[in-house]
N, C-alpha and C. Protein backbone atom coordinates (compact mmCIF):
# COMPACT_ATOMS: atom_id res chain seq x y z
N MET A 1 19.24 -0.25 29.14
CA MET A 1 19.46 -1.61 28.70
C MET A 1 18.38 -1.99 27.70
N LYS A 2 18.77 -2.68 26.65
CA LYS A 2 17.85 -3.09 25.60
C LYS A 2 17.52 -4.57 25.77
N HIS A 3 16.27 -4.88 25.55
CA HIS A 3 15.80 -6.26 25.66
C HIS A 3 15.25 -6.71 24.33
N GLU A 4 15.47 -7.98 24.03
CA GLU A 4 14.86 -8.59 22.87
C GLU A 4 13.55 -9.24 23.32
N PHE A 5 12.47 -8.89 22.67
CA PHE A 5 11.19 -9.51 22.96
C PHE A 5 11.01 -10.68 22.02
N ALA A 6 10.50 -11.78 22.53
CA ALA A 6 10.40 -12.98 21.72
C ALA A 6 8.98 -13.33 21.33
N SER A 7 7.99 -12.69 21.92
CA SER A 7 6.62 -13.12 21.62
C SER A 7 5.78 -11.96 21.14
N LEU A 8 4.80 -12.29 20.34
CA LEU A 8 3.81 -11.34 19.86
C LEU A 8 2.45 -11.92 20.20
N PRO A 9 1.44 -11.18 20.49
CA PRO A 9 1.34 -9.73 20.60
C PRO A 9 2.15 -9.21 21.79
N LEU A 10 2.31 -7.91 21.82
CA LEU A 10 3.13 -7.35 22.88
C LEU A 10 2.42 -6.22 23.62
N ASP A 11 2.92 -5.94 24.78
CA ASP A 11 2.42 -4.84 25.60
C ASP A 11 3.26 -3.62 25.24
N PRO A 12 2.69 -2.62 24.56
CA PRO A 12 3.49 -1.48 24.10
C PRO A 12 4.18 -0.72 25.24
N ARG A 13 3.52 -0.60 26.39
CA ARG A 13 4.12 0.13 27.51
C ARG A 13 5.37 -0.60 28.00
N ALA A 14 5.28 -1.89 28.26
CA ALA A 14 6.43 -2.66 28.73
C ALA A 14 7.53 -2.68 27.67
N PHE A 15 7.13 -2.79 26.41
CA PHE A 15 8.09 -2.80 25.30
C PHE A 15 8.87 -1.49 25.27
N ALA A 16 8.19 -0.36 25.39
CA ALA A 16 8.84 0.95 25.34
C ALA A 16 9.65 1.22 26.60
N GLN A 17 9.12 0.85 27.76
CA GLN A 17 9.84 1.10 29.02
C GLN A 17 11.15 0.34 29.09
N SER A 18 11.23 -0.80 28.44
CA SER A 18 12.48 -1.57 28.44
C SER A 18 13.31 -1.33 27.19
N SER A 19 12.94 -0.30 26.40
CA SER A 19 13.63 -0.02 25.13
C SER A 19 13.73 -1.28 24.29
N GLY A 20 12.62 -2.00 24.20
CA GLY A 20 12.58 -3.27 23.50
C GLY A 20 12.85 -3.16 22.02
N GLN A 21 13.37 -4.24 21.48
CA GLN A 21 13.63 -4.33 20.05
C GLN A 21 13.20 -5.71 19.57
N LEU A 22 12.58 -5.71 18.41
CA LEU A 22 12.19 -6.95 17.75
C LEU A 22 12.60 -6.86 16.29
N THR A 23 13.04 -7.97 15.75
CA THR A 23 13.33 -8.05 14.32
C THR A 23 12.79 -9.38 13.81
N GLY A 24 12.51 -9.40 12.55
CA GLY A 24 12.02 -10.65 11.98
C GLY A 24 12.15 -10.65 10.47
N LYS A 25 12.15 -11.83 9.93
CA LYS A 25 12.14 -12.03 8.48
C LYS A 25 11.20 -13.19 8.24
N GLU A 26 10.10 -12.91 7.54
CA GLU A 26 9.06 -13.89 7.38
C GLU A 26 8.63 -13.97 5.92
N SER A 27 7.98 -15.06 5.59
CA SER A 27 7.45 -15.23 4.24
C SER A 27 6.33 -14.22 3.99
N LEU A 28 6.30 -13.68 2.79
CA LEU A 28 5.24 -12.76 2.41
C LEU A 28 3.87 -13.44 2.46
N THR A 29 3.85 -14.75 2.34
CA THR A 29 2.58 -15.48 2.38
C THR A 29 1.87 -15.32 3.72
N ARG A 30 2.59 -14.97 4.75
CA ARG A 30 1.99 -14.76 6.08
C ARG A 30 1.10 -13.52 6.10
N TYR A 31 1.34 -12.60 5.20
CA TYR A 31 0.59 -11.35 5.13
C TYR A 31 -0.44 -11.49 4.01
N GLN A 32 -1.58 -12.06 4.33
CA GLN A 32 -2.56 -12.49 3.33
C GLN A 32 -3.11 -11.37 2.46
N ARG A 33 -3.32 -10.19 3.03
CA ARG A 33 -3.88 -9.10 2.22
C ARG A 33 -2.92 -8.62 1.15
N ILE A 34 -1.63 -8.79 1.36
CA ILE A 34 -0.64 -8.45 0.35
C ILE A 34 -0.47 -9.64 -0.60
N ALA A 35 -0.34 -10.82 -0.03
CA ALA A 35 -0.09 -12.03 -0.83
C ALA A 35 -1.19 -12.29 -1.85
N GLN A 36 -2.43 -11.92 -1.55
CA GLN A 36 -3.51 -12.17 -2.50
C GLN A 36 -3.34 -11.41 -3.81
N ASP A 37 -2.60 -10.31 -3.80
CA ASP A 37 -2.36 -9.53 -5.01
C ASP A 37 -1.06 -9.92 -5.72
N CYS A 38 -0.30 -10.82 -5.11
CA CYS A 38 1.01 -11.19 -5.65
C CYS A 38 0.95 -12.47 -6.47
N LEU A 39 1.91 -12.60 -7.37
CA LEU A 39 2.06 -13.84 -8.12
C LEU A 39 2.34 -14.98 -7.16
N GLN A 40 1.71 -16.10 -7.38
CA GLN A 40 1.89 -17.29 -6.54
C GLN A 40 1.74 -16.95 -5.06
N HIS A 41 0.90 -15.98 -4.78
CA HIS A 41 0.61 -15.55 -3.40
C HIS A 41 1.88 -15.19 -2.63
N GLY A 42 2.88 -14.68 -3.33
CA GLY A 42 4.09 -14.20 -2.67
C GLY A 42 5.06 -15.27 -2.25
N GLN A 43 4.87 -16.50 -2.69
CA GLN A 43 5.79 -17.57 -2.31
C GLN A 43 7.19 -17.23 -2.79
N GLY A 44 8.15 -17.40 -1.92
CA GLY A 44 9.54 -17.10 -2.26
C GLY A 44 9.95 -15.67 -1.91
N SER A 45 8.99 -14.82 -1.57
CA SER A 45 9.30 -13.44 -1.18
C SER A 45 9.23 -13.33 0.34
N THR A 46 10.01 -12.40 0.88
CA THR A 46 10.05 -12.23 2.33
C THR A 46 9.76 -10.79 2.73
N VAL A 47 9.39 -10.65 3.99
CA VAL A 47 9.21 -9.35 4.63
C VAL A 47 10.23 -9.29 5.76
N ALA A 48 11.12 -8.31 5.69
CA ALA A 48 12.09 -8.08 6.77
C ALA A 48 11.60 -6.87 7.55
N TRP A 49 11.54 -6.98 8.87
CA TRP A 49 11.01 -5.88 9.67
C TRP A 49 11.76 -5.75 10.99
N SER A 50 11.66 -4.57 11.56
CA SER A 50 12.21 -4.34 12.90
C SER A 50 11.30 -3.33 13.61
N ALA A 51 11.23 -3.48 14.91
CA ALA A 51 10.44 -2.57 15.74
C ALA A 51 11.26 -2.21 16.97
N ARG A 52 11.15 -0.94 17.35
CA ARG A 52 11.89 -0.46 18.53
C ARG A 52 10.95 0.41 19.34
N GLY A 53 10.90 0.17 20.64
CA GLY A 53 10.07 0.97 21.52
C GLY A 53 10.90 1.90 22.37
N GLU A 54 10.32 3.05 22.70
CA GLU A 54 11.01 3.98 23.60
C GLU A 54 10.01 4.89 24.29
N MET A 55 10.41 5.39 25.42
CA MET A 55 9.61 6.37 26.17
C MET A 55 10.21 7.74 25.91
N ARG A 56 9.33 8.72 25.68
CA ARG A 56 9.77 10.10 25.46
C ARG A 56 8.89 11.01 26.31
N ALA A 57 9.48 12.11 26.74
CA ALA A 57 8.70 13.10 27.49
C ALA A 57 8.09 14.10 26.50
N ASP A 58 6.81 14.43 26.72
CA ASP A 58 6.18 15.45 25.88
C ASP A 58 6.57 16.84 26.38
N HIS A 59 5.99 17.89 25.81
CA HIS A 59 6.36 19.27 26.18
C HIS A 59 6.01 19.60 27.62
N LEU A 60 5.13 18.82 28.26
CA LEU A 60 4.79 19.03 29.67
C LEU A 60 5.57 18.10 30.59
N GLY A 61 6.39 17.24 30.03
CA GLY A 61 7.17 16.31 30.83
C GLY A 61 6.49 14.97 31.08
N HIS A 62 5.33 14.74 30.49
CA HIS A 62 4.65 13.46 30.65
C HIS A 62 5.27 12.42 29.73
N GLU A 63 5.40 11.21 30.25
CA GLU A 63 5.98 10.11 29.47
C GLU A 63 5.00 9.66 28.39
N GLU A 64 5.53 9.44 27.19
CA GLU A 64 4.74 8.94 26.08
C GLU A 64 5.40 7.69 25.53
N ILE A 65 4.57 6.81 25.00
CA ILE A 65 5.04 5.54 24.45
C ILE A 65 5.18 5.70 22.94
N TRP A 66 6.38 5.39 22.43
CA TRP A 66 6.67 5.53 21.01
C TRP A 66 7.14 4.19 20.45
N LEU A 67 6.83 3.97 19.18
CA LEU A 67 7.25 2.76 18.48
C LEU A 67 7.77 3.16 17.10
N HIS A 68 8.95 2.68 16.78
CA HIS A 68 9.49 2.89 15.43
C HIS A 68 9.38 1.57 14.68
N LEU A 69 8.78 1.62 13.49
CA LEU A 69 8.61 0.43 12.67
C LEU A 69 9.33 0.62 11.35
N HIS A 70 10.09 -0.39 10.99
CA HIS A 70 10.77 -0.42 9.69
C HIS A 70 10.44 -1.77 9.06
N ALA A 71 9.99 -1.77 7.81
CA ALA A 71 9.69 -3.03 7.11
C ALA A 71 10.00 -2.86 5.62
N ASP A 72 10.52 -3.92 5.03
CA ASP A 72 10.84 -3.95 3.60
C ASP A 72 10.36 -5.27 3.01
N ALA A 73 9.84 -5.19 1.79
CA ALA A 73 9.43 -6.38 1.06
C ALA A 73 9.41 -6.06 -0.43
N ASN A 74 9.45 -7.09 -1.23
CA ASN A 74 9.24 -6.98 -2.67
C ASN A 74 8.02 -7.81 -3.00
N ALA A 75 7.03 -7.17 -3.61
CA ALA A 75 5.80 -7.86 -3.98
C ALA A 75 5.83 -8.17 -5.47
N PRO A 76 5.92 -9.45 -5.85
CA PRO A 76 5.91 -9.80 -7.27
C PRO A 76 4.49 -9.70 -7.83
N MET A 77 4.32 -8.81 -8.79
CA MET A 77 3.00 -8.57 -9.36
C MET A 77 3.09 -8.57 -10.88
N ILE A 78 1.96 -8.38 -11.55
CA ILE A 78 1.91 -8.31 -13.01
C ILE A 78 1.80 -6.84 -13.41
N CYS A 79 2.72 -6.39 -14.25
CA CYS A 79 2.68 -5.02 -14.77
C CYS A 79 1.43 -4.89 -15.64
N GLN A 80 0.66 -3.87 -15.41
CA GLN A 80 -0.60 -3.68 -16.14
C GLN A 80 -0.39 -3.07 -17.52
N ARG A 81 0.85 -2.70 -17.87
CA ARG A 81 1.14 -2.20 -19.22
C ARG A 81 1.64 -3.31 -20.12
N CYS A 82 2.67 -4.04 -19.66
CA CYS A 82 3.30 -5.04 -20.53
C CYS A 82 2.93 -6.48 -20.16
N LEU A 83 2.26 -6.66 -19.02
CA LEU A 83 1.82 -7.97 -18.54
C LEU A 83 2.99 -8.90 -18.20
N GLU A 84 4.13 -8.31 -17.88
CA GLU A 84 5.29 -9.07 -17.40
C GLU A 84 5.37 -8.93 -15.88
N VAL A 85 6.21 -9.76 -15.25
CA VAL A 85 6.39 -9.70 -13.80
C VAL A 85 7.16 -8.44 -13.43
N VAL A 86 6.69 -7.77 -12.39
CA VAL A 86 7.39 -6.60 -11.84
C VAL A 86 7.45 -6.76 -10.33
N ASP A 87 8.65 -6.59 -9.76
CA ASP A 87 8.81 -6.61 -8.31
C ASP A 87 8.55 -5.21 -7.78
N ILE A 88 7.52 -5.06 -6.99
CA ILE A 88 7.16 -3.77 -6.42
C ILE A 88 7.80 -3.67 -5.04
N PRO A 89 8.74 -2.73 -4.86
CA PRO A 89 9.35 -2.59 -3.54
C PRO A 89 8.38 -1.90 -2.58
N LEU A 90 8.24 -2.48 -1.40
CA LEU A 90 7.41 -1.90 -0.35
C LEU A 90 8.33 -1.55 0.82
N ALA A 91 8.25 -0.33 1.29
CA ALA A 91 9.12 0.11 2.38
C ALA A 91 8.33 0.97 3.36
N VAL A 92 8.49 0.64 4.64
CA VAL A 92 7.85 1.39 5.72
C VAL A 92 8.95 1.83 6.68
N ASP A 93 8.95 3.09 7.04
CA ASP A 93 9.88 3.63 8.03
C ASP A 93 9.11 4.73 8.77
N ARG A 94 8.45 4.35 9.85
CA ARG A 94 7.49 5.25 10.46
C ARG A 94 7.52 5.19 11.99
N TRP A 95 7.27 6.34 12.60
CA TRP A 95 7.13 6.45 14.06
C TRP A 95 5.66 6.49 14.42
N PHE A 96 5.33 5.83 15.51
CA PHE A 96 3.97 5.82 16.04
C PHE A 96 4.02 6.24 17.51
N ARG A 97 3.02 7.02 17.91
CA ARG A 97 2.88 7.40 19.32
C ARG A 97 1.57 6.82 19.82
N PHE A 98 1.63 6.19 20.99
CA PHE A 98 0.44 5.59 21.57
C PHE A 98 -0.29 6.60 22.45
N VAL A 99 -1.62 6.60 22.33
CA VAL A 99 -2.47 7.46 23.15
C VAL A 99 -3.47 6.57 23.89
N ALA A 100 -4.14 7.16 24.89
CA ALA A 100 -4.99 6.39 25.79
C ALA A 100 -6.24 5.81 25.13
N ASP A 101 -6.88 6.57 24.22
CA ASP A 101 -8.16 6.09 23.67
C ASP A 101 -8.43 6.73 22.31
N GLU A 102 -9.51 6.28 21.69
CA GLU A 102 -9.89 6.77 20.35
C GLU A 102 -10.18 8.27 20.34
N GLU A 103 -10.80 8.77 21.40
CA GLU A 103 -11.14 10.20 21.47
C GLU A 103 -9.86 11.05 21.47
N THR A 104 -8.87 10.62 22.22
CA THR A 104 -7.59 11.35 22.26
C THR A 104 -6.93 11.29 20.89
N ALA A 105 -6.96 10.14 20.27
CA ALA A 105 -6.36 10.00 18.93
C ALA A 105 -7.06 10.92 17.94
N ALA A 106 -8.38 10.97 17.97
CA ALA A 106 -9.13 11.82 17.05
C ALA A 106 -8.83 13.29 17.29
N ALA A 107 -8.71 13.67 18.57
CA ALA A 107 -8.46 15.08 18.91
C ALA A 107 -7.06 15.53 18.51
N GLN A 108 -6.08 14.63 18.58
CA GLN A 108 -4.69 15.00 18.32
C GLN A 108 -4.22 14.69 16.90
N ASP A 109 -5.00 13.94 16.15
CA ASP A 109 -4.56 13.44 14.85
C ASP A 109 -4.19 14.53 13.86
N ASP A 110 -4.97 15.59 13.77
CA ASP A 110 -4.69 16.64 12.79
C ASP A 110 -3.40 17.39 13.08
N ASP A 111 -3.03 17.53 14.34
CA ASP A 111 -1.86 18.30 14.71
C ASP A 111 -0.58 17.46 14.84
N ALA A 112 -0.72 16.14 14.88
CA ALA A 112 0.43 15.26 15.10
C ALA A 112 1.16 14.96 13.79
N ALA A 113 2.47 15.09 13.83
CA ALA A 113 3.29 14.74 12.66
C ALA A 113 3.44 13.22 12.56
N GLU A 114 3.39 12.53 13.67
CA GLU A 114 3.52 11.08 13.72
C GLU A 114 2.13 10.44 13.64
N ASP A 115 2.11 9.15 13.40
CA ASP A 115 0.85 8.40 13.41
C ASP A 115 0.51 8.05 14.84
N LEU A 116 -0.78 8.05 15.16
CA LEU A 116 -1.24 7.76 16.51
C LEU A 116 -1.92 6.39 16.55
N LEU A 117 -1.64 5.65 17.62
CA LEU A 117 -2.26 4.35 17.84
C LEU A 117 -2.86 4.34 19.25
N VAL A 118 -3.94 3.61 19.41
CA VAL A 118 -4.57 3.50 20.72
C VAL A 118 -3.85 2.41 21.51
N LEU A 119 -3.55 2.72 22.76
CA LEU A 119 -2.82 1.81 23.65
C LEU A 119 -3.71 0.66 24.08
N THR A 120 -3.28 -0.56 23.80
CA THR A 120 -3.96 -1.76 24.26
C THR A 120 -2.91 -2.68 24.86
N GLY A 121 -3.32 -3.54 25.74
CA GLY A 121 -2.38 -4.45 26.39
C GLY A 121 -1.92 -5.59 25.50
N ASP A 122 -2.66 -5.86 24.44
CA ASP A 122 -2.30 -6.96 23.54
C ASP A 122 -2.17 -6.46 22.11
N PHE A 123 -1.33 -5.50 21.93
CA PHE A 123 -1.12 -4.87 20.63
C PHE A 123 -0.58 -5.90 19.64
N ASP A 124 -1.15 -5.93 18.43
CA ASP A 124 -0.75 -6.89 17.40
C ASP A 124 0.23 -6.23 16.43
N LEU A 125 1.50 -6.45 16.65
CA LEU A 125 2.55 -5.85 15.82
C LEU A 125 2.49 -6.39 14.39
N GLN A 126 2.20 -7.68 14.23
CA GLN A 126 2.12 -8.26 12.89
C GLN A 126 1.01 -7.58 12.08
N GLN A 127 -0.10 -7.27 12.73
CA GLN A 127 -1.20 -6.60 12.05
C GLN A 127 -0.78 -5.20 11.61
N LEU A 128 -0.04 -4.50 12.46
CA LEU A 128 0.46 -3.16 12.10
C LEU A 128 1.40 -3.25 10.90
N ILE A 129 2.29 -4.23 10.90
CA ILE A 129 3.22 -4.40 9.77
C ILE A 129 2.43 -4.61 8.49
N GLU A 130 1.45 -5.50 8.54
CA GLU A 130 0.65 -5.77 7.34
C GLU A 130 -0.13 -4.52 6.91
N ASP A 131 -0.75 -3.82 7.86
CA ASP A 131 -1.50 -2.61 7.53
C ASP A 131 -0.62 -1.59 6.82
N GLU A 132 0.57 -1.38 7.33
CA GLU A 132 1.46 -0.38 6.75
C GLU A 132 1.98 -0.81 5.38
N LEU A 133 2.25 -2.09 5.19
CA LEU A 133 2.69 -2.57 3.88
C LEU A 133 1.56 -2.49 2.85
N VAL A 134 0.34 -2.77 3.27
CA VAL A 134 -0.81 -2.65 2.37
C VAL A 134 -0.93 -1.21 1.88
N LEU A 135 -0.70 -0.25 2.76
CA LEU A 135 -0.76 1.15 2.36
C LEU A 135 0.30 1.52 1.33
N GLU A 136 1.37 0.74 1.25
CA GLU A 136 2.45 1.00 0.30
C GLU A 136 2.19 0.38 -1.07
N LEU A 137 1.21 -0.53 -1.17
CA LEU A 137 0.91 -1.14 -2.46
C LEU A 137 0.43 -0.09 -3.45
N PRO A 138 0.88 -0.17 -4.69
CA PRO A 138 0.41 0.80 -5.69
C PRO A 138 -1.03 0.48 -6.13
N LEU A 139 -1.72 1.48 -6.61
CA LEU A 139 -3.06 1.24 -7.15
C LEU A 139 -2.98 0.38 -8.40
N VAL A 140 -1.95 0.64 -9.21
CA VAL A 140 -1.73 -0.12 -10.43
C VAL A 140 -0.26 -0.54 -10.47
N ALA A 141 -0.03 -1.84 -10.56
CA ALA A 141 1.34 -2.34 -10.64
C ALA A 141 1.88 -2.11 -12.05
N ARG A 142 3.08 -1.52 -12.14
CA ARG A 142 3.68 -1.31 -13.46
C ARG A 142 5.16 -0.99 -13.30
N HIS A 143 5.90 -1.29 -14.37
CA HIS A 143 7.31 -0.93 -14.43
C HIS A 143 7.42 0.58 -14.64
N GLU A 144 8.52 1.15 -14.21
CA GLU A 144 8.81 2.54 -14.57
C GLU A 144 8.99 2.62 -16.09
N VAL A 145 9.77 1.69 -16.62
CA VAL A 145 9.94 1.54 -18.07
C VAL A 145 9.80 0.05 -18.35
N CYS A 146 8.82 -0.31 -19.12
CA CYS A 146 8.56 -1.73 -19.41
C CYS A 146 9.71 -2.33 -20.22
N PRO A 147 10.12 -3.56 -19.90
CA PRO A 147 11.22 -4.20 -20.64
C PRO A 147 10.80 -4.63 -22.05
N THR A 148 9.51 -4.79 -22.27
CA THR A 148 9.01 -5.18 -23.59
C THR A 148 7.84 -4.27 -23.96
N GLN A 149 7.55 -4.23 -25.27
CA GLN A 149 6.41 -3.45 -25.75
C GLN A 149 5.13 -4.12 -25.27
N PRO A 150 4.18 -3.38 -24.73
CA PRO A 150 2.92 -4.00 -24.32
C PRO A 150 2.26 -4.71 -25.51
N PRO A 151 1.64 -5.87 -25.26
CA PRO A 151 1.04 -6.64 -26.36
C PRO A 151 -0.21 -5.99 -26.91
N ASN A 152 -0.48 -6.28 -28.19
CA ASN A 152 -1.72 -5.86 -28.85
C ASN A 152 -1.98 -4.36 -28.78
N THR A 153 -0.97 -3.58 -28.96
CA THR A 153 -1.19 -2.14 -28.98
C THR A 153 -0.97 -1.64 -30.40
N ALA A 154 -1.86 -0.83 -30.86
CA ALA A 154 -1.75 -0.26 -32.20
C ALA A 154 -0.91 1.00 -32.13
N SER A 155 -0.12 1.23 -33.17
CA SER A 155 0.66 2.45 -33.22
C SER A 155 -0.25 3.61 -33.61
N ASP A 156 0.22 4.81 -33.45
CA ASP A 156 -0.57 5.99 -33.82
C ASP A 156 -0.92 5.96 -35.31
N ALA A 157 0.02 5.52 -36.15
CA ALA A 157 -0.23 5.47 -37.59
C ALA A 157 -1.35 4.47 -37.90
N GLU A 158 -1.29 3.29 -37.27
CA GLU A 158 -2.34 2.29 -37.48
C GLU A 158 -3.69 2.82 -37.01
N PHE A 159 -3.70 3.54 -35.91
CA PHE A 159 -4.94 4.10 -35.39
C PHE A 159 -5.52 5.12 -36.38
N GLY A 160 -4.67 5.97 -36.93
CA GLY A 160 -5.12 6.97 -37.89
C GLY A 160 -5.72 6.34 -39.13
N ILE A 161 -5.10 5.26 -39.62
CA ILE A 161 -5.62 4.57 -40.80
C ILE A 161 -6.98 3.95 -40.47
N ALA A 162 -7.11 3.32 -39.33
CA ALA A 162 -8.37 2.68 -38.94
C ALA A 162 -9.48 3.71 -38.80
N VAL A 163 -9.18 4.85 -38.23
CA VAL A 163 -10.17 5.90 -38.03
C VAL A 163 -10.56 6.53 -39.36
N ALA A 164 -9.60 6.69 -40.27
CA ALA A 164 -9.88 7.32 -41.57
C ALA A 164 -10.83 6.48 -42.40
N GLY A 165 -10.80 5.17 -42.24
CA GLY A 165 -11.65 4.30 -43.01
C GLY A 165 -13.09 4.24 -42.51
N ARG A 166 -13.37 4.76 -41.35
CA ARG A 166 -14.71 4.71 -40.78
C ARG A 166 -15.48 5.98 -41.08
N PRO A 167 -16.77 5.85 -41.31
CA PRO A 167 -17.57 7.07 -41.50
C PRO A 167 -17.77 7.78 -40.17
N ASN A 168 -17.94 9.06 -40.24
CA ASN A 168 -18.18 9.86 -39.05
C ASN A 168 -19.54 9.47 -38.48
N PRO A 169 -19.60 9.07 -37.19
CA PRO A 169 -20.88 8.62 -36.62
C PRO A 169 -21.95 9.71 -36.64
N PHE A 170 -21.55 10.97 -36.53
CA PHE A 170 -22.53 12.05 -36.55
C PHE A 170 -23.09 12.26 -37.97
N ALA A 171 -22.27 12.02 -38.98
CA ALA A 171 -22.75 12.12 -40.36
C ALA A 171 -23.76 11.00 -40.64
N VAL A 172 -23.50 9.82 -40.10
CA VAL A 172 -24.44 8.71 -40.26
C VAL A 172 -25.76 9.04 -39.59
N LEU A 173 -25.71 9.61 -38.39
CA LEU A 173 -26.94 10.01 -37.69
C LEU A 173 -27.70 11.08 -38.47
N ALA A 174 -26.97 12.01 -39.05
CA ALA A 174 -27.63 13.06 -39.84
C ALA A 174 -28.34 12.46 -41.04
N GLN A 175 -27.71 11.49 -41.69
CA GLN A 175 -28.34 10.83 -42.84
C GLN A 175 -29.60 10.08 -42.40
N LEU A 176 -29.52 9.42 -41.25
CA LEU A 176 -30.70 8.72 -40.74
C LEU A 176 -31.83 9.70 -40.43
N ARG A 177 -31.46 10.81 -39.87
CA ARG A 177 -32.46 11.81 -39.52
C ARG A 177 -33.12 12.38 -40.79
N LEU A 178 -32.31 12.64 -41.81
CA LEU A 178 -32.86 13.14 -43.09
C LEU A 178 -33.77 12.11 -43.73
N GLY A 179 -33.36 10.86 -43.66
CA GLY A 179 -34.18 9.80 -44.23
C GLY A 179 -35.49 9.66 -43.50
N LYS A 180 -35.48 9.81 -42.18
CA LYS A 180 -36.69 9.69 -41.38
C LYS A 180 -37.63 10.86 -41.67
N SER A 181 -37.08 12.07 -41.82
CA SER A 181 -37.93 13.21 -42.07
C SER A 181 -38.57 13.14 -43.46
N ARG A 182 -37.92 12.52 -44.45
CA ARG A 182 -38.49 12.35 -45.78
C ARG A 182 -39.67 11.39 -45.72
N ILE A 183 -39.56 10.37 -44.90
CA ILE A 183 -40.61 9.37 -44.79
C ILE A 183 -41.85 10.00 -44.16
N GLU A 184 -41.65 10.89 -43.17
CA GLU A 184 -42.75 11.52 -42.46
C GLU A 184 -43.54 12.45 -43.37
N LYS A 185 -42.93 13.03 -44.41
CA LYS A 185 -43.60 14.02 -45.27
C LYS A 185 -44.49 13.40 -46.23
């Protein structure tokens, strides 16, 4: 039987044992670390998410607590090439397995295909959603193909003309060096 959980934070063990499910759609402004990088702090954008808990037996038959998280959002940002607005899609679709403590997580982390979380009685699902969405943010926001030419960019031909008109800096240094050595003599 599946139960809908209505409150956060949640107890991961109880959530998984009851095959709990949570869904939500919230303003992006609620996720401050993402909103701070967005235009107008993400006003008008939403984060849609769902979480599902389940118990699974490991290879020895011991029960393990698992959580599946799915989240989607569009982060309105400024393209760093053309300086126009670009909606950056953020998507999370990940399984997490809960372990007893930090030592267990550290010991199993290298061999685990899933992400590991430490089991606490007051697990903050909203914090996990924000953490995972932050990891999806690009280092540099940009369009795949900009809709307009980036401003103030010189073409290759203009660059060649500008460079041709300048003296070679090493030739200038050589002339200075020759002039200095003549003065010393």
